[in-house]
């Protein structure tokens, strides 16, 4: 799972809280990408962050629906 975020983004912080809560029950690898360090990511995601991608596909933007994420992870094989 990848969380696209930038420093100082309170919605990004909120998304991370949800991801951490779900990870406590349903472990998964989380990679965080700071869009402010990459011009292409910055152009792509600036107005939409946070964006969460699951297995390379964008699943959530602006907020993470915890129930939906749990449902998605229940159908995905995890290590």
PDB file of N, CA and C in Angstrom:
ATOM      1  N   UNK A   1       0.847  -1.158   0.000  1.00  0.00           N
ATOM      2  CA  UNK A   1       0.000   0.000   0.000  1.00  0.00           C
ATOM      3  C   UNK A   1       0.896   1.226   0.000  1.00  0.00           C
ATOM      4  N   UNK A   2       0.476   2.250  -0.720  1.00  0.00           N
ATOM      5  CA  UNK A   2       1.254   3.481  -0.800  1.00  0.00           C
ATOM      6  C   UNK A   2       0.376   4.655  -0.390  1.00  0.00           C
ATOM      7  N   UNK A   3       0.931   5.499   0.471  1.00  0.00           N
ATOM      8  CA  UNK A   3       0.273   6.727   0.891  1.00  0.00           C
ATOM      9  C   UNK A   3       1.040   7.889   0.279  1.00  0.00           C
ATOM     10  N   UNK A   4       0.378   8.612  -0.615  1.00  0.00           N
ATOM     11  CA  UNK A   4       0.963   9.818  -1.201  1.00  0.00           C
ATOM     12  C   UNK A   4       0.531  10.989  -0.325  1.00  0.00           C
ATOM     13  N   UNK A   5       1.518  11.737   0.169  1.00  0.00           N
ATOM     14  CA  UNK A   5       1.255  12.798   1.133  1.00  0.00           C
ATOM     15  C   UNK A   5       2.271  13.903   1.000  1.00  0.00           C
ATOM     16  N   UNK A   6       2.113  14.938   1.803  1.00  0.00           N
ATOM     17  CA  UNK A   6       3.131  15.979   1.898  1.00  0.00           C
ATOM     18  C   UNK A   6       3.141  16.492   3.330  1.00  0.00           C
ATOM     19  N   UNK A   7       4.250  17.066   3.764  1.00  0.00           N
ATOM     20  CA  UNK A   7       4.346  17.594   5.124  1.00  0.00           C
ATOM     21  C   UNK A   7       3.326  18.712   5.351  1.00  0.00           C
ATOM     22  N   UNK A   8       2.789  18.760   6.561  1.00  0.00           N
ATOM     23  CA  UNK A   8       1.860  19.809   6.935  1.00  0.00           C
ATOM     24  C   UNK A   8       0.434  19.580   6.469  1.00  0.00           C
ATOM     25  N   UNK A   9       0.152  18.440   5.907  1.00  0.00           N
ATOM     26  CA  UNK A   9      -1.186  18.114   5.404  1.00  0.00           C
ATOM     27  C   UNK A   9      -1.963  17.379   6.495  1.00  0.00           C
ATOM     28  N   UNK A  10      -2.944  18.058   7.094  1.00  0.00           N
ATOM     29  CA  UNK A  10      -3.688  17.423   8.184  1.00  0.00           C
ATOM     30  C   UNK A  10      -4.546  16.259   7.695  1.00  0.00           C
ATOM     31  N   UNK A  11      -5.045  16.321   6.465  1.00  0.00           N
ATOM     32  CA  UNK A  11      -5.793  15.184   5.928  1.00  0.00           C
ATOM     33  C   UNK A  11      -4.882  13.969   5.748  1.00  0.00           C
ATOM     34  N   UNK A  12      -3.629  14.222   5.396  1.00  0.00           N
ATOM     35  CA  UNK A  12      -2.646  13.139   5.261  1.00  0.00           C
ATOM     36  C   UNK A  12      -2.393  12.487   6.619  1.00  0.00           C
ATOM     37  N   UNK A  13      -2.278  13.321   7.642  1.00  0.00           N
ATOM     38  CA  UNK A  13      -2.094  12.797   8.998  1.00  0.00           C
ATOM     39  C   UNK A  13      -3.293  11.958   9.415  1.00  0.00           C
ATOM     40  N   UNK A  14      -4.494  12.428   9.095  1.00  0.00           N
ATOM     41  CA  UNK A  14      -5.708  11.672   9.417  1.00  0.00           C
ATOM     42  C   UNK A  14      -5.722  10.330   8.698  1.00  0.00           C
ATOM     43  N   UNK A  15      -5.327  10.328   7.434  1.00  0.00           N
ATOM     44  CA  UNK A  15      -5.282   9.074   6.671  1.00  0.00           C
ATOM     45  C   UNK A  15      -4.297   8.106   7.294  1.00  0.00           C
ATOM     46  N   UNK A  16      -3.156   8.606   7.727  1.00  0.00           N
ATOM     47  CA  UNK A  16      -2.140   7.742   8.348  1.00  0.00           C
ATOM     48  C   UNK A  16      -2.681   7.105   9.625  1.00  0.00           C
ATOM     49  N   UNK A  17      -3.458   7.844  10.403  1.00  0.00           N
ATOM     50  CA  UNK A  17      -4.059   7.295  11.621  1.00  0.00           C
ATOM     51  C   UNK A  17      -4.977   6.116  11.271  1.00  0.00           C
ATOM     52  N   UNK A  18      -5.794   6.286  10.240  1.00  0.00           N
ATOM     53  CA  UNK A  18      -6.691   5.206   9.817  1.00  0.00           C
ATOM     54  C   UNK A  18      -5.878   4.012   9.326  1.00  0.00           C
ATOM     55  N   UNK A  19      -4.862   4.260   8.509  1.00  0.00           N
ATOM     56  CA  UNK A  19      -4.032   3.165   8.001  1.00  0.00           C
ATOM     57  C   UNK A  19      -3.348   2.418   9.137  1.00  0.00           C
ATOM     58  N   UNK A  20      -2.828   3.143  10.114  1.00  0.00           N
ATOM     59  CA  UNK A  20      -2.172   2.494  11.252  1.00  0.00           C
ATOM     60  C   UNK A  20      -3.159   1.654  12.060  1.00  0.00           C
ATOM     61  N   UNK A  21      -4.369   2.158  12.231  1.00  0.00           N
ATOM     62  CA  UNK A  21      -5.387   1.415  12.983  1.00  0.00           C
ATOM     63  C   UNK A  21      -5.724   0.109  12.252  1.00  0.00           C
ATOM     64  N   UNK A  22      -5.889   0.178  10.946  1.00  0.00           N
ATOM     65  CA  UNK A  22      -6.202  -1.020  10.166  1.00  0.00           C
ATOM     66  C   UNK A  22      -5.010  -1.971  10.167  1.00  0.00           C
ATOM     67  N   UNK A  23      -3.800  -1.432  10.048  1.00  0.00           N
ATOM     68  CA  UNK A  23      -2.584  -2.273  10.055  1.00  0.00           C
ATOM     69  C   UNK A  23      -2.431  -3.055  11.343  1.00  0.00           C
ATOM     70  N   UNK A  24      -2.929  -2.525  12.445  1.00  0.00           N
ATOM     71  CA  UNK A  24      -2.832  -3.228  13.731  1.00  0.00           C
ATOM     72  C   UNK A  24      -3.611  -4.542  13.687  1.00  0.00           C
ATOM     73  N   UNK A  25      -4.692  -4.586  12.907  1.00  0.00           N
ATOM     74  CA  UNK A  25      -5.524  -5.789  12.801  1.00  0.00           C
ATOM     75  C   UNK A  25      -5.218  -6.618  11.564  1.00  0.00           C
ATOM     76  N   UNK A  26      -4.895  -5.932  10.483  1.00  0.00           N
ATOM     77  CA  UNK A  26      -4.665  -6.590   9.193  1.00  0.00           C
ATOM     78  C   UNK A  26      -3.327  -6.103   8.644  1.00  0.00           C
ATOM     79  N   UNK A  27      -2.228  -6.724   9.065  1.00  0.00           N
ATOM     80  CA  UNK A  27      -0.899  -6.228   8.687  1.00  0.00           C
ATOM     81  C   UNK A  27      -0.701  -6.125   7.171  1.00  0.00           C
ATOM     82  N   UNK A  28      -0.081  -5.034   6.771  1.00  0.00           N
ATOM     83  CA  UNK A  28       0.295  -4.820   5.380  1.00  0.00           C
ATOM     84  C   UNK A  28       1.496  -3.882   5.358  1.00  0.00           C
ATOM     85  N   UNK A  29       2.231  -3.937   4.262  1.00  0.00           N
ATOM     86  CA  UNK A  29       3.376  -3.043   4.088  1.00  0.00           C
ATOM     87  C   UNK A  29       2.854  -1.684   3.631  1.00  0.00           C
ATOM     88  N   UNK A  30       3.368  -0.631   4.252  1.00  0.00           N
ATOM     89  CA  UNK A  30       2.969   0.722   3.895  1.00  0.00           C
ATOM     90  C   UNK A  30       4.199   1.504   3.463  1.00  0.00           C
ATOM     91  N   UNK A  31       4.116   2.100   2.279  1.00  0.00           N
ATOM     92  CA  UNK A  31       5.168   2.965   1.760  1.00  0.00           C
ATOM     93  C   UNK A  31       4.582   4.366   1.695  1.00  0.00           C
ATOM     94  N   UNK A  32       5.311   5.342   2.219  1.00  0.00           N
ATOM     95  CA  UNK A  32       4.860   6.727   2.147  1.00  0.00           C
ATOM     96  C   UNK A  32       5.698   7.470   1.130  1.00  0.00           C
ATOM     97  N   UNK A  33       5.021   8.224   0.265  1.00  0.00           N
ATOM     98  CA  UNK A  33       5.705   9.018  -0.754  1.00  0.00           C
ATOM     99  C   UNK A  33       5.378  10.477  -0.515  1.00  0.00           C
ATOM    100  N   UNK A  34       6.403  11.284  -0.312  1.00  0.00           N
ATOM    101  CA  UNK A  34       6.257  12.721  -0.112  1.00  0.00           C
ATOM    102  C   UNK A  34       6.207  13.375  -1.484  1.00  0.00           C
ATOM    103  N   UNK A  35       5.034  13.873  -1.870  1.00  0.00           N
ATOM    104  CA  UNK A  35       4.883  14.429  -3.217  1.00  0.00           C
ATOM    105  C   UNK A  35       5.680  15.715  -3.409  1.00  0.00           C
ATOM    106  N   UNK A  36       6.068  16.360  -2.312  1.00  0.00           N
ATOM    107  CA  UNK A  36       6.829  17.608  -2.448  1.00  0.00           C
ATOM    108  C   UNK A  36       8.263  17.360  -2.910  1.00  0.00           C
ATOM    109  N   UNK A  37       8.686  16.102  -2.910  1.00  0.00           N
ATOM    110  CA  UNK A  37      10.047  15.758  -3.329  1.00  0.00           C
ATOM    111  C   UNK A  37      10.124  15.293  -4.781  1.00  0.00           C
ATOM    112  N   UNK A  38       8.990  15.243  -5.461  1.00  0.00           N
ATOM    113  CA  UNK A  38       8.945  14.715  -6.826  1.00  0.00           C
ATOM    114  C   UNK A  38       7.986  15.586  -7.643  1.00  0.00           C
ATOM    115  N   UNK A  39       8.512  16.305  -8.626  1.00  0.00           N
ATOM    116  CA  UNK A  39       7.681  17.227  -9.412  1.00  0.00           C
ATOM    117  C   UNK A  39       6.499  16.534 -10.079  1.00  0.00           C
ATOM    118  N   UNK A  40       6.711  15.348 -10.619  1.00  0.00           N
ATOM    119  CA  UNK A  40       5.625  14.645 -11.308  1.00  0.00           C
ATOM    120  C   UNK A  40       4.524  14.250 -10.326  1.00  0.00           C
ATOM    121  N   UNK A  41       4.912  13.736  -9.162  1.00  0.00           N
ATOM    122  CA  UNK A  41       3.912  13.374  -8.153  1.00  0.00           C
ATOM    123  C   UNK A  41       3.196  14.619  -7.639  1.00  0.00           C
ATOM    124  N   UNK A  42       3.942  15.695  -7.482  1.00  0.00           N
ATOM    125  CA  UNK A  42       3.350  16.943  -7.007  1.00  0.00           C
ATOM    126  C   UNK A  42       2.269  17.426  -7.981  1.00  0.00           C
ATOM    127  N   UNK A  43       2.568  17.413  -9.272  1.00  0.00           N
ATOM    128  CA  UNK A  43       1.579  17.823 -10.279  1.00  0.00           C
ATOM    129  C   UNK A  43       0.371  16.879 -10.277  1.00  0.00           C
ATOM    130  N   UNK A  44       0.633  15.610 -10.132  1.00  0.00           N
ATOM    131  CA  UNK A  44      -0.442  14.614 -10.214  1.00  0.00           C
ATOM    132  C   UNK A  44      -1.382  14.643  -9.015  1.00  0.00           C
ATOM    133  N   UNK A  45      -0.818  14.845  -7.810  1.00  0.00           N
ATOM    134  CA  UNK A  45      -1.609  14.648  -6.599  1.00  0.00           C
ATOM    135  C   UNK A  45      -1.881  15.896  -5.758  1.00  0.00           C
ATOM    136  N   UNK A  46      -1.341  17.034  -6.109  1.00  0.00           N
ATOM    137  CA  UNK A  46      -1.433  18.204  -5.237  1.00  0.00           C
ATOM    138  C   UNK A  46      -2.847  18.496  -4.741  1.00  0.00           C
ATOM    139  N   UNK A  47      -3.816  18.471  -5.621  1.00  0.00           N
ATOM    140  CA  UNK A  47      -5.187  18.821  -5.238  1.00  0.00           C
ATOM    141  C   UNK A  47      -5.968  17.655  -4.645  1.00  0.00           C
ATOM    142  N   UNK A  48      -5.363  16.471  -4.593  1.00  0.00           N
ATOM    143  CA  UNK A  48      -6.113  15.276  -4.185  1.00  0.00           C
ATOM    144  C   UNK A  48      -5.576  14.598  -2.932  1.00  0.00           C
ATOM    145  N   UNK A  49      -4.460  15.052  -2.396  1.00  0.00           N
ATOM    146  CA  UNK A  49      -3.859  14.304  -1.299  1.00  0.00           C
ATOM    147  C   UNK A  49      -4.703  14.375  -0.044  1.00  0.00           C
ATOM    148  N   UNK A  50      -4.620  13.353   0.776  1.00  0.00           N
ATOM    149  CA  UNK A  50      -3.830  12.148   0.564  1.00  0.00           C
ATOM    150  C   UNK A  50      -4.468  11.221  -0.479  1.00  0.00           C
ATOM    151  N   UNK A  51      -3.621  10.460  -1.127  1.00  0.00           N
ATOM    152  CA  UNK A  51      -4.073   9.412  -2.033  1.00  0.00           C
ATOM    153  C   UNK A  51      -3.478   8.106  -1.528  1.00  0.00           C
ATOM    154  N   UNK A  52      -4.312   7.083  -1.452  1.00  0.00           N
ATOM    155  CA  UNK A  52      -3.855   5.769  -1.034  1.00  0.00           C
ATOM    156  C   UNK A  52      -4.031   4.818  -2.203  1.00  0.00           C
ATOM    157  N   UNK A  53      -2.946   4.149  -2.559  1.00  0.00           N
ATOM    158  CA  UNK A  53      -2.979   3.148  -3.623  1.00  0.00           C
ATOM    159  C   UNK A  53      -2.809   1.768  -3.007  1.00  0.00           C
ATOM    160  N   UNK A  54      -3.640   0.846  -3.437  1.00  0.00           N
ATOM    161  CA  UNK A  54      -3.582  -0.539  -2.983  1.00  0.00           C
ATOM    162  C   UNK A  54      -3.169  -1.379  -4.183  1.00  0.00           C
ATOM    163  N   UNK A  55      -2.063  -2.073  -4.038  1.00  0.00           N
ATOM    164  CA  UNK A  55      -1.527  -2.884  -5.142  1.00  0.00           C
ATOM    165  C   UNK A  55      -1.400  -2.070  -6.420  1.00  0.00           C
ATOM    166  N   UNK A  56      -0.946  -0.810  -6.276  1.00  0.00           N
ATOM    167  CA  UNK A  56      -0.672   0.036  -7.419  1.00  0.00           C
ATOM    168  C   UNK A  56      -1.880   0.764  -7.989  1.00  0.00           C
ATOM    169  N   UNK A  57      -3.071   0.496  -7.479  1.00  0.00           N
ATOM    170  CA  UNK A  57      -4.275   1.153  -7.977  1.00  0.00           C
ATOM    171  C   UNK A  57      -4.802   2.132  -6.937  1.00  0.00           C
ATOM    172  N   UNK A  58      -5.094   3.351  -7.379  1.00  0.00           N
ATOM    173  CA  UNK A  58      -5.611   4.354  -6.459  1.00  0.00           C
ATOM    174  C   UNK A  58      -6.954   3.902  -5.913  1.00  0.00           C
ATOM    175  N   UNK A  59      -7.044   3.872  -4.590  1.00  0.00           N
ATOM    176  CA  UNK A  59      -8.261   3.397  -3.934  1.00  0.00           C
ATOM    177  C   UNK A  59      -8.992   4.512  -3.186  1.00  0.00           C
ATOM    178  N   UNK A  60      -8.245   5.458  -2.634  1.00  0.00           N
ATOM    179  CA  UNK A  60      -8.851   6.533  -1.851  1.00  0.00           C
ATOM    180  C   UNK A  60      -8.117   7.834  -2.126  1.00  0.00           C
ATOM    181  N   UNK A  61      -8.855   8.928  -2.123  1.00  0.00           N
ATOM    182  CA  UNK A  61      -8.224  10.242  -2.111  1.00  0.00           C
ATOM    183  C   UNK A  61      -9.015  11.141  -1.167  1.00  0.00           C
ATOM    184  N   UNK A  62      -8.318  12.082  -0.591  1.00  0.00           N
ATOM    185  CA  UNK A  62      -8.836  13.040   0.381  1.00  0.00           C
ATOM    186  C   UNK A  62      -9.129  12.423   1.745  1.00  0.00           C
ATOM    187  N   UNK A  63      -9.706  11.239   1.800  1.00  0.00           N
ATOM    188  CA  UNK A  63      -9.905  10.558   3.072  1.00  0.00           C
ATOM    189  C   UNK A  63      -9.933   9.057   2.821  1.00  0.00           C
ATOM    190  N   UNK A  64      -9.693   8.295   3.878  1.00  0.00           N
ATOM    191  CA  UNK A  64      -9.690   6.838   3.774  1.00  0.00           C
ATOM    192  C   UNK A  64     -10.932   6.311   4.478  1.00  0.00           C
ATOM    193  N   UNK A  65     -11.743   5.577   3.760  1.00  0.00           N
ATOM    194  CA  UNK A  65     -12.918   4.932   4.317  1.00  0.00           C
ATOM    195  C   UNK A  65     -12.449   3.639   4.988  1.00  0.00           C
ATOM    196  N   UNK A  66     -12.404   3.660   6.317  1.00  0.00           N
ATOM    197  CA  UNK A  66     -11.836   2.526   7.055  1.00  0.00           C
ATOM    198  C   UNK A  66     -12.589   1.228   6.782  1.00  0.00           C
ATOM    199  N   UNK A  67     -13.892   1.265   6.781  1.00  0.00           N
ATOM    200  CA  UNK A  67     -14.670   0.048   6.542  1.00  0.00           C
ATOM    201  C   UNK A  67     -14.393  -0.515   5.151  1.00  0.00           C
ATOM    202  N   UNK A  68     -14.317   0.371   4.163  1.00  0.00           N
ATOM    203  CA  UNK A  68     -14.035  -0.074   2.792  1.00  0.00           C
ATOM    204  C   UNK A  68     -12.615  -0.653   2.684  1.00  0.00           C
ATOM    205  N   UNK A  69     -11.663  -0.022   3.342  1.00  0.00           N
ATOM    206  CA  UNK A  69     -10.298  -0.540   3.324  1.00  0.00           C
ATOM    207  C   UNK A  69     -10.246  -1.929   3.956  1.00  0.00           C
ATOM    208  N   UNK A  70     -10.896  -2.091   5.079  1.00  0.00           N
ATOM    209  CA  UNK A  70     -10.929  -3.414   5.722  1.00  0.00           C
ATOM    210  C   UNK A  70     -11.567  -4.447   4.800  1.00  0.00           C
ATOM    211  N   UNK A  71     -12.633  -4.065   4.130  1.00  0.00           N
ATOM    212  CA  UNK A  71     -13.286  -4.983   3.196  1.00  0.00           C
ATOM    213  C   UNK A  71     -12.330  -5.353   2.062  1.00  0.00           C
ATOM    214  N   UNK A  72     -11.639  -4.354   1.519  1.00  0.00           N
ATOM    215  CA  UNK A  72     -10.697  -4.603   0.429  1.00  0.00           C
ATOM    216  C   UNK A  72      -9.584  -5.548   0.878  1.00  0.00           C
ATOM    217  N   UNK A  73      -9.056  -5.312   2.058  1.00  0.00           N
ATOM    218  CA  UNK A  73      -7.942  -6.119   2.545  1.00  0.00           C
ATOM    219  C   UNK A  73      -8.370  -7.549   2.862  1.00  0.00           C
ATOM    220  N   UNK A  74      -9.631  -7.717   3.175  1.00  0.00           N
ATOM    221  CA  UNK A  74     -10.141  -9.059   3.431  1.00  0.00           C
ATOM    222  C   UNK A  74     -10.141  -9.922   2.189  1.00  0.00           C
ATOM    223  N   UNK A  75     -10.109  -9.267   1.022  1.00  0.00           N
ATOM    224  CA  UNK A  75     -10.113 -10.002  -0.258  1.00  0.00           C
ATOM    225  C   UNK A  75      -8.728 -10.095  -0.892  1.00  0.00           C
ATOM    226  N   UNK A  76      -7.719  -9.483  -0.262  1.00  0.00           N
ATOM    227  CA  UNK A  76      -6.376  -9.440  -0.832  1.00  0.00           C
ATOM    228  C   UNK A  76      -5.472 -10.381  -0.051  1.00  0.00           C
ATOM    229  N   UNK A  77      -4.679 -11.184  -0.768  1.00  0.00           N
ATOM    230  CA  UNK A  77      -3.697 -12.031  -0.088  1.00  0.00           C
ATOM    231  C   UNK A  77      -2.594 -11.157   0.459  1.00  0.00           C
ATOM    232  N   UNK A  78      -2.298 -11.328   1.731  1.00  0.00           N
ATOM    233  CA  UNK A  78      -1.253 -10.543   2.392  1.00  0.00           C
ATOM    234  C   UNK A  78      -0.169 -11.482   2.901  1.00  0.00           C
ATOM    235  N   UNK A  79       1.055 -10.957   3.013  1.00  0.00           N
ATOM    236  CA  UNK A  79       2.135 -11.795   3.559  1.00  0.00           C
ATOM    237  C   UNK A  79       1.914 -12.120   5.017  1.00  0.00           C
TER     238      UNK A  79
END
